[in-house]
Protein backbone atom coordinates (compact mmCIF):
# COMPACT_ATOMS: atom_id res chain seq x y z
CA UNK A 1 0.00 0.00 0.00
CA UNK A 2 1.27 3.48 -0.86
CA UNK A 3 0.83 6.57 1.29
CA UNK A 4 -0.72 9.74 -0.17
CA UNK A 5 -1.37 13.09 1.41
CA UNK A 6 -4.47 15.12 0.60
CA UNK A 7 -5.94 18.33 1.89
CA UNK A 8 -9.63 18.56 2.71
CA UNK A 9 -11.82 21.49 3.61
CA UNK A 10 -13.24 21.52 7.14
CA UNK A 11 -16.77 20.68 5.95
CA UNK A 12 -15.63 17.77 3.80
CA UNK A 13 -13.48 16.38 6.61
CA UNK A 14 -16.38 16.63 9.07
CA UNK A 15 -18.70 14.84 6.63
CA UNK A 16 -16.13 12.08 6.10
CA UNK A 17 -15.55 11.73 9.83
CA UNK A 18 -19.27 11.42 10.56
CA UNK A 19 -19.83 8.93 7.73
CA UNK A 20 -16.82 6.83 8.78
CA UNK A 21 -18.12 6.74 12.37
CA UNK A 22 -21.63 5.80 11.19
CA UNK A 23 -20.27 3.00 8.97
CA UNK A 24 -17.75 1.89 11.64
CA UNK A 25 -14.79 2.48 9.29
CA UNK A 26 -11.63 4.52 9.46
CA UNK A 27 -11.53 7.77 7.50
CA UNK A 28 -8.66 6.34 5.43
CA UNK A 29 -10.63 3.19 4.67
CA UNK A 30 -13.66 5.21 3.63
CA UNK A 31 -11.57 7.42 1.34
CA UNK A 32 -9.97 4.33 -0.26
CA UNK A 33 -13.45 2.89 -0.85
CA UNK A 34 -14.79 6.11 -2.39
CA UNK A 35 -11.72 6.58 -4.63
CA UNK A 36 -11.83 2.92 -5.63
CA UNK A 37 -15.45 3.21 -6.73
CA UNK A 38 -14.58 6.33 -8.69
CA UNK A 39 -11.75 4.82 -10.72
CA UNK A 40 -13.03 1.32 -11.48
CA UNK A 41 -13.99 1.14 -15.13
CA UNK A 42 -17.42 -0.25 -16.05
CA UNK A 43 -17.38 -3.64 -17.77
CA UNK A 44 -16.42 -3.26 -21.41
CA UNK A 45 -14.90 0.20 -21.06
CA UNK A 46 -11.60 0.85 -22.72
CA UNK A 47 -8.53 1.22 -20.55
CA UNK A 48 -7.29 4.74 -19.95
CA UNK A 49 -3.94 5.84 -21.27
CA UNK A 50 -1.70 8.79 -20.46
CA UNK A 51 -3.35 10.67 -23.35
CA UNK A 52 -6.62 10.67 -21.39
CA UNK A 53 -5.02 12.79 -18.68
CA UNK A 54 -4.31 16.02 -20.55
CA UNK A 55 -4.27 17.95 -17.29
CA UNK A 56 -1.04 16.29 -16.12
CA UNK A 57 1.75 18.85 -15.74
CA UNK A 58 -0.41 21.89 -16.49
CA UNK A 59 0.47 23.20 -13.05
CA UNK A 60 4.23 23.16 -13.46
CA UNK A 61 5.82 26.25 -12.08
CA UNK A 62 9.10 27.84 -11.25
CA UNK A 63 9.07 27.65 -7.49
CA UNK A 64 11.52 30.47 -6.92
CA UNK A 65 11.30 31.99 -3.45
CA UNK A 66 8.18 30.01 -2.58
CA UNK A 67 9.92 26.66 -2.11
CA UNK A 68 8.37 24.25 -1.32
CA UNK A 69 5.22 25.10 -3.24
CA UNK A 70 3.57 21.99 -1.78
CA UNK A 71 3.48 23.83 1.54
CA UNK A 72 3.07 27.38 0.24
CA UNK A 73 0.59 26.75 -2.60
CA UNK A 74 -1.79 29.57 -1.64
CA UNK A 75 1.03 32.12 -1.79
CA UNK A 76 2.24 30.68 -5.11
CA UNK A 77 -1.25 30.95 -6.62
CA UNK A 78 -1.63 34.50 -5.35
CA UNK A 79 1.72 35.41 -6.93
CA UNK A 80 0.80 33.75 -10.23
CA UNK A 81 -2.55 35.53 -10.46
CA UNK A 82 -0.97 38.90 -9.73
CA UNK A 83 1.32 38.60 -12.77
PDB file of N, CA and C in Angstrom:
ATOM      1  N   UNK A   1       0.848  -1.173   0.000  1.00  0.00           N
ATOM      2  CA  UNK A   1       0.000   0.000   0.000  1.00  0.00           C
ATOM      3  C   UNK A   1       0.894   1.235   0.000  1.00  0.00           C
ATOM      4  N   UNK A   2       0.524   2.225  -0.772  1.00  0.00           N
ATOM      5  CA  UNK A   2       1.267   3.479  -0.864  1.00  0.00           C
ATOM      6  C   UNK A   2       0.578   4.544  -0.022  1.00  0.00           C
ATOM      7  N   UNK A   3       1.362   5.471   0.485  1.00  0.00           N
ATOM      8  CA  UNK A   3       0.834   6.571   1.286  1.00  0.00           C
ATOM      9  C   UNK A   3       0.656   7.793   0.386  1.00  0.00           C
ATOM     10  N   UNK A   4      -0.448   8.505   0.580  1.00  0.00           N
ATOM     11  CA  UNK A   4      -0.718   9.736  -0.172  1.00  0.00           C
ATOM     12  C   UNK A   4      -1.232  10.779   0.813  1.00  0.00           C
ATOM     13  N   UNK A   5      -0.921  12.001   0.546  1.00  0.00           N
ATOM     14  CA  UNK A   5      -1.374  13.087   1.412  1.00  0.00           C
ATOM     15  C   UNK A   5      -2.348  13.953   0.624  1.00  0.00           C
ATOM     16  N   UNK A   6      -3.485  14.261   1.240  1.00  0.00           N
ATOM     17  CA  UNK A   6      -4.475  15.123   0.598  1.00  0.00           C
ATOM     18  C   UNK A   6      -4.888  16.199   1.575  1.00  0.00           C
ATOM     19  N   UNK A   7      -5.418  17.267   1.044  1.00  0.00           N
ATOM     20  CA  UNK A   7      -5.938  18.335   1.891  1.00  0.00           C
ATOM     21  C   UNK A   7      -7.434  18.420   1.667  1.00  0.00           C
ATOM     22  N   UNK A   8      -8.180  18.508   2.773  1.00  0.00           N
ATOM     23  CA  UNK A   8      -9.633  18.563   2.713  1.00  0.00           C
ATOM     24  C   UNK A   8     -10.111  19.815   3.424  1.00  0.00           C
ATOM     25  N   UNK A   9     -11.184  20.381   2.913  1.00  0.00           N
ATOM     26  CA  UNK A   9     -11.817  21.486   3.609  1.00  0.00           C
ATOM     27  C   UNK A   9     -12.442  20.985   4.906  1.00  0.00           C
ATOM     28  N   UNK A  10     -12.670  21.890   5.831  1.00  0.00           N
ATOM     29  CA  UNK A  10     -13.235  21.523   7.135  1.00  0.00           C
ATOM     30  C   UNK A  10     -14.563  20.785   6.982  1.00  0.00           C
ATOM     31  N   UNK A  11     -15.449  21.298   6.130  1.00  0.00           N
ATOM     32  CA  UNK A  11     -16.767  20.677   5.949  1.00  0.00           C
ATOM     33  C   UNK A  11     -16.651  19.262   5.399  1.00  0.00           C
ATOM     34  N   UNK A  12     -15.795  19.092   4.390  1.00  0.00           N
ATOM     35  CA  UNK A  12     -15.627  17.771   3.797  1.00  0.00           C
ATOM     36  C   UNK A  12     -15.055  16.791   4.821  1.00  0.00           C
ATOM     37  N   UNK A  13     -14.071  17.247   5.582  1.00  0.00           N
ATOM     38  CA  UNK A  13     -13.475  16.382   6.608  1.00  0.00           C
ATOM     39  C   UNK A  13     -14.527  15.983   7.641  1.00  0.00           C
ATOM     40  N   UNK A  14     -15.341  16.936   8.082  1.00  0.00           N
ATOM     41  CA  UNK A  14     -16.379  16.631   9.069  1.00  0.00           C
ATOM     42  C   UNK A  14     -17.386  15.624   8.524  1.00  0.00           C
ATOM     43  N   UNK A  15     -17.765  15.786   7.250  1.00  0.00           N
ATOM     44  CA  UNK A  15     -18.700  14.837   6.635  1.00  0.00           C
ATOM     45  C   UNK A  15     -18.086  13.443   6.558  1.00  0.00           C
ATOM     46  N   UNK A  16     -16.809  13.374   6.157  1.00  0.00           N
ATOM     47  CA  UNK A  16     -16.125  12.078   6.096  1.00  0.00           C
ATOM     48  C   UNK A  16     -16.032  11.439   7.471  1.00  0.00           C
ATOM     49  N   UNK A  17     -15.689  12.245   8.469  1.00  0.00           N
ATOM     50  CA  UNK A  17     -15.551  11.725   9.831  1.00  0.00           C
ATOM     51  C   UNK A  17     -16.874  11.162  10.331  1.00  0.00           C
ATOM     52  N   UNK A  18     -17.957  11.902  10.110  1.00  0.00           N
ATOM     53  CA  UNK A  18     -19.274  11.421  10.561  1.00  0.00           C
ATOM     54  C   UNK A  18     -19.687  10.148   9.829  1.00  0.00           C
ATOM     55  N   UNK A  19     -19.458  10.127   8.509  1.00  0.00           N
ATOM     56  CA  UNK A  19     -19.829   8.930   7.733  1.00  0.00           C
ATOM     57  C   UNK A  19     -18.999   7.723   8.154  1.00  0.00           C
ATOM     58  N   UNK A  20     -17.702   7.933   8.351  1.00  0.00           N
ATOM     59  CA  UNK A  20     -16.823   6.835   8.783  1.00  0.00           C
ATOM     60  C   UNK A  20     -17.288   6.292  10.129  1.00  0.00           C
ATOM     61  N   UNK A  21     -17.645   7.159  11.051  1.00  0.00           N
ATOM     62  CA  UNK A  21     -18.121   6.735  12.370  1.00  0.00           C
ATOM     63  C   UNK A  21     -19.415   5.941  12.215  1.00  0.00           C
ATOM     64  N   UNK A  22     -20.333   6.458  11.401  1.00  0.00           N
ATOM     65  CA  UNK A  22     -21.625   5.804  11.188  1.00  0.00           C
ATOM     66  C   UNK A  22     -21.451   4.409  10.586  1.00  0.00           C
ATOM     67  N   UNK A  23     -20.502   4.274   9.646  1.00  0.00           N
ATOM     68  CA  UNK A  23     -20.273   3.002   8.968  1.00  0.00           C
ATOM     69  C   UNK A  23     -19.231   2.136   9.679  1.00  0.00           C
ATOM     70  N   UNK A  24     -18.752   2.624  10.835  1.00  0.00           N
ATOM     71  CA  UNK A  24     -17.747   1.888  11.637  1.00  0.00           C
ATOM     72  C   UNK A  24     -16.498   1.570  10.801  1.00  0.00           C
ATOM     73  N   UNK A  25     -15.994   2.605  10.115  1.00  0.00           N
ATOM     74  CA  UNK A  25     -14.793   2.480   9.287  1.00  0.00           C
ATOM     75  C   UNK A  25     -13.834   3.594   9.674  1.00  0.00           C
ATOM     76  N   UNK A  26     -12.580   3.428   9.293  1.00  0.00           N
ATOM     77  CA  UNK A  26     -11.628   4.521   9.464  1.00  0.00           C
ATOM     78  C   UNK A  26     -11.858   5.527   8.336  1.00  0.00           C
ATOM     79  N   UNK A  27     -11.423   6.756   8.559  1.00  0.00           N
ATOM     80  CA  UNK A  27     -11.534   7.772   7.504  1.00  0.00           C
ATOM     81  C   UNK A  27     -10.709   7.329   6.301  1.00  0.00           C
ATOM     82  N   UNK A  28      -9.513   6.804   6.538  1.00  0.00           N
ATOM     83  CA  UNK A  28      -8.662   6.342   5.430  1.00  0.00           C
ATOM     84  C   UNK A  28      -9.336   5.235   4.633  1.00  0.00           C
ATOM     85  N   UNK A  29      -9.941   4.289   5.338  1.00  0.00           N
ATOM     86  CA  UNK A  29     -10.634   3.191   4.667  1.00  0.00           C
ATOM     87  C   UNK A  29     -11.792   3.688   3.823  1.00  0.00           C
ATOM     88  N   UNK A  30     -12.537   4.640   4.363  1.00  0.00           N
ATOM     89  CA  UNK A  30     -13.659   5.211   3.633  1.00  0.00           C
ATOM     90  C   UNK A  30     -13.188   5.936   2.378  1.00  0.00           C
ATOM     91  N   UNK A  31     -12.110   6.715   2.503  1.00  0.00           N
ATOM     92  CA  UNK A  31     -11.566   7.423   1.338  1.00  0.00           C
ATOM     93  C   UNK A  31     -11.094   6.428   0.283  1.00  0.00           C
ATOM     94  N   UNK A  32     -10.414   5.350   0.703  1.00  0.00           N
ATOM     95  CA  UNK A  32      -9.971   4.329  -0.261  1.00  0.00           C
ATOM     96  C   UNK A  32     -11.167   3.726  -0.994  1.00  0.00           C
ATOM     97  N   UNK A  33     -12.239   3.462  -0.256  1.00  0.00           N
ATOM     98  CA  UNK A  33     -13.447   2.888  -0.851  1.00  0.00           C
ATOM     99  C   UNK A  33     -14.069   3.849  -1.871  1.00  0.00           C
ATOM    100  N   UNK A  34     -14.193   5.110  -1.502  1.00  0.00           N
ATOM    101  CA  UNK A  34     -14.790   6.111  -2.393  1.00  0.00           C
ATOM    102  C   UNK A  34     -13.937   6.290  -3.648  1.00  0.00           C
ATOM    103  N   UNK A  35     -12.625   6.417  -3.479  1.00  0.00           N
ATOM    104  CA  UNK A  35     -11.725   6.581  -4.626  1.00  0.00           C
ATOM    105  C   UNK A  35     -11.768   5.331  -5.491  1.00  0.00           C
ATOM    106  N   UNK A  36     -11.772   4.170  -4.879  1.00  0.00           N
ATOM    107  CA  UNK A  36     -11.831   2.920  -5.629  1.00  0.00           C
ATOM    108  C   UNK A  36     -13.063   2.825  -6.493  1.00  0.00           C
ATOM    109  N   UNK A  37     -14.209   3.228  -5.945  1.00  0.00           N
ATOM    110  CA  UNK A  37     -15.445   3.212  -6.732  1.00  0.00           C
ATOM    111  C   UNK A  37     -15.380   4.212  -7.878  1.00  0.00           C
ATOM    112  N   UNK A  38     -14.659   5.296  -7.669  1.00  0.00           N
ATOM    113  CA  UNK A  38     -14.580   6.331  -8.691  1.00  0.00           C
ATOM    114  C   UNK A  38     -13.654   6.004  -9.841  1.00  0.00           C
ATOM    115  N   UNK A  39     -12.721   5.089  -9.651  1.00  0.00           N
ATOM    116  CA  UNK A  39     -11.748   4.817 -10.721  1.00  0.00           C
ATOM    117  C   UNK A  39     -11.924   3.459 -11.379  1.00  0.00           C
ATOM    118  N   UNK A  40     -12.792   2.623 -10.855  1.00  0.00           N
ATOM    119  CA  UNK A  40     -13.026   1.323 -11.480  1.00  0.00           C
ATOM    120  C   UNK A  40     -13.828   1.536 -12.757  1.00  0.00           C
ATOM    121  N   UNK A  41     -13.336   0.976 -13.837  1.00  0.00           N
ATOM    122  CA  UNK A  41     -13.990   1.141 -15.131  1.00  0.00           C
ATOM    123  C   UNK A  41     -15.174   0.187 -15.248  1.00  0.00           C
ATOM    124  N   UNK A  42     -16.285   0.644 -15.808  1.00  0.00           N
ATOM    125  CA  UNK A  42     -17.420  -0.251 -16.054  1.00  0.00           C
ATOM    126  C   UNK A  42     -17.011  -1.370 -17.006  1.00  0.00           C
ATOM    127  N   UNK A  43     -17.677  -2.485 -16.912  1.00  0.00           N
ATOM    128  CA  UNK A  43     -17.382  -3.639 -17.767  1.00  0.00           C
ATOM    129  C   UNK A  43     -17.453  -3.229 -19.241  1.00  0.00           C
ATOM    130  N   UNK A  44     -16.440  -3.562 -19.984  1.00  0.00           N
ATOM    131  CA  UNK A  44     -16.419  -3.263 -21.412  1.00  0.00           C
ATOM    132  C   UNK A  44     -15.820  -1.914 -21.753  1.00  0.00           C
ATOM    133  N   UNK A  45     -15.501  -1.103 -20.763  1.00  0.00           N
ATOM    134  CA  UNK A  45     -14.896   0.197 -21.057  1.00  0.00           C
ATOM    135  C   UNK A  45     -13.455   0.008 -21.498  1.00  0.00           C
ATOM    136  N   UNK A  46     -12.991   0.933 -22.306  1.00  0.00           N
ATOM    137  CA  UNK A  46     -11.602   0.855 -22.719  1.00  0.00           C
ATOM    138  C   UNK A  46     -10.712   1.276 -21.552  1.00  0.00           C
ATOM    139  N   UNK A  47      -9.489   0.837 -21.586  1.00  0.00           N
ATOM    140  CA  UNK A  47      -8.526   1.224 -20.552  1.00  0.00           C
ATOM    141  C   UNK A  47      -8.013   2.621 -20.849  1.00  0.00           C
ATOM    142  N   UNK A  48      -7.801   3.377 -19.801  1.00  0.00           N
ATOM    143  CA  UNK A  48      -7.293   4.738 -19.954  1.00  0.00           C
ATOM    144  C   UNK A  48      -5.805   4.710 -20.258  1.00  0.00           C
ATOM    145  N   UNK A  49      -5.363   5.694 -21.006  1.00  0.00           N
ATOM    146  CA  UNK A  49      -3.938   5.843 -21.270  1.00  0.00           C
ATOM    147  C   UNK A  49      -3.507   7.232 -20.813  1.00  0.00           C
ATOM    148  N   UNK A  50      -2.246   7.494 -20.877  1.00  0.00           N
ATOM    149  CA  UNK A  50      -1.703   8.788 -20.456  1.00  0.00           C
ATOM    150  C   UNK A  50      -2.330   9.923 -21.272  1.00  0.00           C
ATOM    151  N   UNK A  51      -2.735   9.648 -22.502  1.00  0.00           N
ATOM    152  CA  UNK A  51      -3.350  10.666 -23.349  1.00  0.00           C
ATOM    153  C   UNK A  51      -4.705  11.127 -22.810  1.00  0.00           C
ATOM    154  N   UNK A  52      -5.334  10.302 -21.970  1.00  0.00           N
ATOM    155  CA  UNK A  52      -6.618  10.665 -21.387  1.00  0.00           C
ATOM    156  C   UNK A  52      -6.475  11.658 -20.232  1.00  0.00           C
ATOM    157  N   UNK A  53      -5.265  11.906 -19.818  1.00  0.00           N
ATOM    158  CA  UNK A  53      -5.015  12.786 -18.677  1.00  0.00           C
ATOM    159  C   UNK A  53      -4.273  14.035 -19.144  1.00  0.00           C
ATOM    160  N   UNK A  54      -4.929  14.824 -19.962  1.00  0.00           N
ATOM    161  CA  UNK A  54      -4.306  16.015 -20.548  1.00  0.00           C
ATOM    162  C   UNK A  54      -3.930  17.058 -19.505  1.00  0.00           C
ATOM    163  N   UNK A  55      -4.534  16.962 -18.332  1.00  0.00           N
ATOM    164  CA  UNK A  55      -4.269  17.948 -17.293  1.00  0.00           C
ATOM    165  C   UNK A  55      -2.943  17.725 -16.574  1.00  0.00           C
ATOM    166  N   UNK A  56      -2.307  16.588 -16.798  1.00  0.00           N
ATOM    167  CA  UNK A  56      -1.044  16.293 -16.116  1.00  0.00           C
ATOM    168  C   UNK A  56       0.002  17.319 -16.534  1.00  0.00           C
ATOM    169  N   UNK A  57       0.653  17.898 -15.577  1.00  0.00           N
ATOM    170  CA  UNK A  57       1.755  18.851 -15.738  1.00  0.00           C
ATOM    171  C   UNK A  57       1.305  20.247 -16.133  1.00  0.00           C
ATOM    172  N   UNK A  58      -0.001  20.526 -16.167  1.00  0.00           N
ATOM    173  CA  UNK A  58      -0.415  21.885 -16.492  1.00  0.00           C
ATOM    174  C   UNK A  58      -0.070  22.846 -15.368  1.00  0.00           C
ATOM    175  N   UNK A  59       0.170  22.345 -14.187  1.00  0.00           N
ATOM    176  CA  UNK A  59       0.468  23.203 -13.050  1.00  0.00           C
ATOM    177  C   UNK A  59       1.946  23.360 -12.765  1.00  0.00           C
ATOM    178  N   UNK A  60       2.801  22.995 -13.690  1.00  0.00           N
ATOM    179  CA  UNK A  60       4.231  23.158 -13.464  1.00  0.00           C
ATOM    180  C   UNK A  60       4.558  24.617 -13.254  1.00  0.00           C
ATOM    181  N   UNK A  61       5.476  24.856 -12.353  1.00  0.00           N
ATOM    182  CA  UNK A  61       5.823  26.254 -12.075  1.00  0.00           C
ATOM    183  C   UNK A  61       7.292  26.351 -11.691  1.00  0.00           C
ATOM    184  N   UNK A  62       7.778  27.557 -11.791  1.00  0.00           N
ATOM    185  CA  UNK A  62       9.100  27.838 -11.254  1.00  0.00           C
ATOM    186  C   UNK A  62       8.868  28.208  -9.798  1.00  0.00           C
ATOM    187  N   UNK A  63       9.388  27.444  -8.891  1.00  0.00           N
ATOM    188  CA  UNK A  63       9.073  27.648  -7.488  1.00  0.00           C
ATOM    189  C   UNK A  63       9.715  28.901  -6.912  1.00  0.00           C
ATOM    190  N   UNK A  64      10.866  29.244  -7.376  1.00  0.00           N
ATOM    191  CA  UNK A  64      11.519  30.466  -6.923  1.00  0.00           C
ATOM    192  C   UNK A  64      11.593  30.581  -5.407  1.00  0.00           C
ATOM    193  N   UNK A  65      11.181  31.727  -4.893  1.00  0.00           N
ATOM    194  CA  UNK A  65      11.304  31.988  -3.451  1.00  0.00           C
ATOM    195  C   UNK A  65      10.222  31.293  -2.639  1.00  0.00           C
ATOM    196  N   UNK A  66       9.283  30.636  -3.294  1.00  0.00           N
ATOM    197  CA  UNK A  66       8.180  30.006  -2.580  1.00  0.00           C
ATOM    198  C   UNK A  66       8.393  28.516  -2.339  1.00  0.00           C
ATOM    199  N   UNK A  67       9.627  28.072  -2.376  1.00  0.00           N
ATOM    200  CA  UNK A  67       9.916  26.659  -2.113  1.00  0.00           C
ATOM    201  C   UNK A  67       9.567  26.327  -0.676  1.00  0.00           C
ATOM    202  N   UNK A  68       9.009  25.188  -0.402  1.00  0.00           N
ATOM    203  CA  UNK A  68       8.375  24.249  -1.316  1.00  0.00           C
ATOM    204  C   UNK A  68       6.937  24.678  -1.585  1.00  0.00           C
ATOM    205  N   UNK A  69       6.560  24.684  -2.852  1.00  0.00           N
ATOM    206  CA  UNK A  69       5.222  25.100  -3.244  1.00  0.00           C
ATOM    207  C   UNK A  69       4.168  24.174  -2.640  1.00  0.00           C
ATOM    208  N   UNK A  70       4.537  22.919  -2.375  1.00  0.00           N
ATOM    209  CA  UNK A  70       3.568  21.987  -1.784  1.00  0.00           C
ATOM    210  C   UNK A  70       3.080  22.480  -0.427  1.00  0.00           C
ATOM    211  N   UNK A  71       3.878  23.287   0.248  1.00  0.00           N
ATOM    212  CA  UNK A  71       3.477  23.830   1.544  1.00  0.00           C
ATOM    213  C   UNK A  71       2.998  25.272   1.435  1.00  0.00           C
ATOM    214  N   UNK A  72       3.391  25.958   0.378  1.00  0.00           N
ATOM    215  CA  UNK A  72       3.067  27.382   0.241  1.00  0.00           C
ATOM    216  C   UNK A  72       2.254  27.633  -1.017  1.00  0.00           C
ATOM    217  N   UNK A  73       1.352  26.687  -1.358  1.00  0.00           N
ATOM    218  CA  UNK A  73       0.594  26.754  -2.600  1.00  0.00           C
ATOM    219  C   UNK A  73      -0.308  27.975  -2.685  1.00  0.00           C
ATOM    220  N   UNK A  74      -0.913  28.398  -1.578  1.00  0.00           N
ATOM    221  CA  UNK A  74      -1.787  29.567  -1.635  1.00  0.00           C
ATOM    222  C   UNK A  74      -1.001  30.826  -2.019  1.00  0.00           C
ATOM    223  N   UNK A  75       0.185  30.971  -1.452  1.00  0.00           N
ATOM    224  CA  UNK A  75       1.025  32.123  -1.791  1.00  0.00           C
ATOM    225  C   UNK A  75       1.472  32.056  -3.253  1.00  0.00           C
ATOM    226  N   UNK A  76       1.802  30.834  -3.723  1.00  0.00           N
ATOM    227  CA  UNK A  76       2.241  30.677  -5.108  1.00  0.00           C
ATOM    228  C   UNK A  76       1.112  31.028  -6.079  1.00  0.00           C
ATOM    229  N   UNK A  77      -0.110  30.611  -5.770  1.00  0.00           N
ATOM    230  CA  UNK A  77      -1.248  30.953  -6.621  1.00  0.00           C
ATOM    231  C   UNK A  77      -1.488  32.453  -6.626  1.00  0.00           C
ATOM    232  N   UNK A  78      -1.418  33.060  -5.448  1.00  0.00           N
ATOM    233  CA  UNK A  78      -1.627  34.498  -5.353  1.00  0.00           C
ATOM    234  C   UNK A  78      -0.609  35.235  -6.233  1.00  0.00           C
ATOM    235  N   UNK A  79       0.655  34.791  -6.133  1.00  0.00           N
ATOM    236  CA  UNK A  79       1.725  35.410  -6.927  1.00  0.00           C
ATOM    237  C   UNK A  79       1.483  35.225  -8.413  1.00  0.00           C
ATOM    238  N   UNK A  80       1.037  34.017  -8.822  1.00  0.00           N
ATOM    239  CA  UNK A  80       0.802  33.746 -10.230  1.00  0.00           C
ATOM    240  C   UNK A  80      -0.340  34.572 -10.784  1.00  0.00           C
ATOM    241  N   UNK A  81      -1.398  34.768  -9.996  1.00  0.00           N
ATOM    242  CA  UNK A  81      -2.546  35.533 -10.465  1.00  0.00           C
ATOM    243  C   UNK A  81      -2.265  37.031 -10.507  1.00  0.00           C
ATOM    244  N   UNK A  82      -1.305  37.483  -9.734  1.00  0.00           N
ATOM    245  CA  UNK A  82      -0.972  38.896  -9.731  1.00  0.00           C
ATOM    246  C   UNK A  82      -0.140  39.286 -10.942  1.00  0.00           C
ATOM    247  N   UNK A  83       0.471  38.321 -11.598  1.00  0.00           N
ATOM    248  CA  UNK A  83       1.317  38.603 -12.771  1.00  0.00           C
ATOM    249  C   UNK A  83       0.486  38.881 -13.987  1.00  0.00           C
TER     250      UNK A  83
END
